[in-house]
Amino acid sequence: MCRREIGISLGLGMPAWHIAMQFPLEAMLLGIVGGLAGMAVGALIAAVLAMLLGWPFMLPWTVMLVPVVGAMVGAVGGCVPAIQATRINPAELLRST
């Protein structure tokens, strides 16, 4: 969400908490998608290597926690921009490019 969109939303009366929640939610979604993609690529590489070396391919159940951890990291990372965005005057945000 760019600064101008935040300013428009605040100017139209959207509550600051609603705007603040958008940042962690977007970051969580990106963390989940990134975790799933990384898990898939890592499992594929491990499966190919296991097949080439003649080893049995097994993934521990803890691998399924990767998207959950990605979501938590995204939520924590999205909190700082969310707090900063809601503390700015809407008029300043509308003037910025």
Protein backbone atom coordinates (compact mmCIF):
# COMPACT_ATOMS: atom_id res chain seq x y z
CA MET A 1 0.00 0.00 0.00
CA CYS A 2 1.56 3.30 -1.04
CA ARG A 3 1.54 6.49 0.95
CA ARG A 4 -1.06 8.15 -1.24
CA GLU A 5 -3.50 5.25 -0.80
CA ILE A 6 -3.05 5.44 2.97
CA GLY A 7 -3.77 9.17 2.87
CA ILE A 8 -6.91 8.68 0.78
CA SER A 9 -8.15 5.94 3.09
CA LEU A 10 -7.53 8.04 6.20
CA GLY A 11 -9.07 11.09 4.54
CA LEU A 12 -12.22 9.17 3.69
CA GLY A 13 -12.62 8.11 7.30
CA MET A 14 -11.23 4.58 7.36
CA PRO A 15 -10.19 3.72 10.90
CA ALA A 16 -6.44 3.73 11.50
CA TRP A 17 -6.55 0.21 12.97
CA HIS A 18 -8.05 -1.08 9.72
CA ILE A 19 -5.20 0.38 7.69
CA ALA A 20 -2.68 -0.87 10.25
CA MET A 21 -4.02 -4.43 9.95
CA GLN A 22 -3.49 -4.47 6.18
CA PHE A 23 0.29 -4.39 6.53
CA PRO A 24 0.72 -7.47 8.77
CA LEU A 25 -1.91 -9.40 6.81
CA GLU A 26 -0.19 -8.74 3.50
CA ALA A 27 3.17 -9.61 5.03
CA MET A 28 1.73 -12.83 6.49
CA LEU A 29 0.34 -13.82 3.10
CA LEU A 30 3.72 -13.22 1.48
CA GLY A 31 5.40 -15.23 4.26
CA ILE A 32 3.04 -18.16 3.71
CA VAL A 33 3.53 -18.13 -0.06
CA GLY A 34 7.30 -17.80 0.32
CA GLY A 35 7.37 -20.62 2.87
CA LEU A 36 5.33 -22.91 0.62
CA ALA A 37 7.52 -22.13 -2.39
CA GLY A 38 10.71 -22.68 -0.41
CA MET A 39 9.36 -25.89 1.06
CA ALA A 40 8.42 -27.19 -2.39
CA VAL A 41 11.78 -26.32 -3.96
CA GLY A 42 13.70 -27.74 -1.00
CA ALA A 43 11.70 -30.98 -1.05
CA LEU A 44 12.21 -31.31 -4.79
CA ILE A 45 15.97 -30.83 -4.50
CA ALA A 46 16.13 -33.29 -1.60
CA ALA A 47 14.11 -35.86 -3.56
CA VAL A 48 16.34 -35.55 -6.63
CA LEU A 49 19.50 -35.86 -4.57
CA ALA A 50 18.13 -38.84 -2.66
CA MET A 51 17.17 -40.53 -5.92
CA LEU A 52 20.59 -39.88 -7.50
CA LEU A 53 22.44 -41.18 -4.44
CA GLY A 54 20.13 -44.16 -3.94
CA TRP A 55 18.90 -43.02 -0.54
CA PRO A 56 15.33 -43.27 0.67
CA PHE A 57 13.52 -39.95 0.48
CA MET A 58 11.89 -38.88 3.72
CA LEU A 59 10.80 -35.47 4.96
CA PRO A 60 10.24 -34.89 8.66
CA TRP A 61 6.82 -33.63 9.73
CA THR A 62 8.44 -30.43 11.00
CA VAL A 63 8.86 -29.30 7.39
CA MET A 64 5.15 -28.50 7.45
CA LEU A 65 5.87 -25.75 10.00
CA VAL A 66 7.77 -23.70 7.41
CA PRO A 67 4.69 -21.77 6.15
CA VAL A 68 3.57 -21.15 9.73
CA VAL A 69 6.96 -19.70 10.63
CA GLY A 70 6.88 -17.65 7.42
CA ALA A 71 3.51 -16.20 8.43
CA MET A 72 4.79 -15.32 11.91
CA VAL A 73 7.91 -13.64 10.55
CA GLY A 74 5.79 -11.72 8.05
CA ALA A 75 3.39 -10.55 10.76
CA VAL A 76 6.23 -9.30 12.94
CA GLY A 77 7.90 -7.61 9.97
CA GLY A 78 4.67 -5.91 8.94
CA CYS A 79 3.99 -4.33 12.33
CA VAL A 80 6.57 -1.53 12.11
CA PRO A 81 5.33 -0.10 8.78
CA ALA A 82 1.75 -0.43 10.03
CA ILE A 83 2.43 1.64 13.12
CA GLN A 84 4.35 4.24 11.10
CA ALA A 85 1.59 4.53 8.50
CA THR A 86 -1.13 5.29 10.98
CA ARG A 87 0.81 8.04 12.76
CA ILE A 88 1.23 10.26 9.70
CA ASN A 89 -1.11 13.16 8.99
CA PRO A 90 -3.44 12.28 6.05
CA ALA A 91 -2.80 15.68 4.44
CA GLU A 92 0.94 14.95 4.30
CA LEU A 93 0.28 11.57 2.72
CA LEU A 94 -1.96 13.08 0.04
CA ARG A 95 0.71 15.68 -0.86
CA SER A 96 3.43 13.03 -1.26
CA THR A 97 4.06 11.34 -4.57
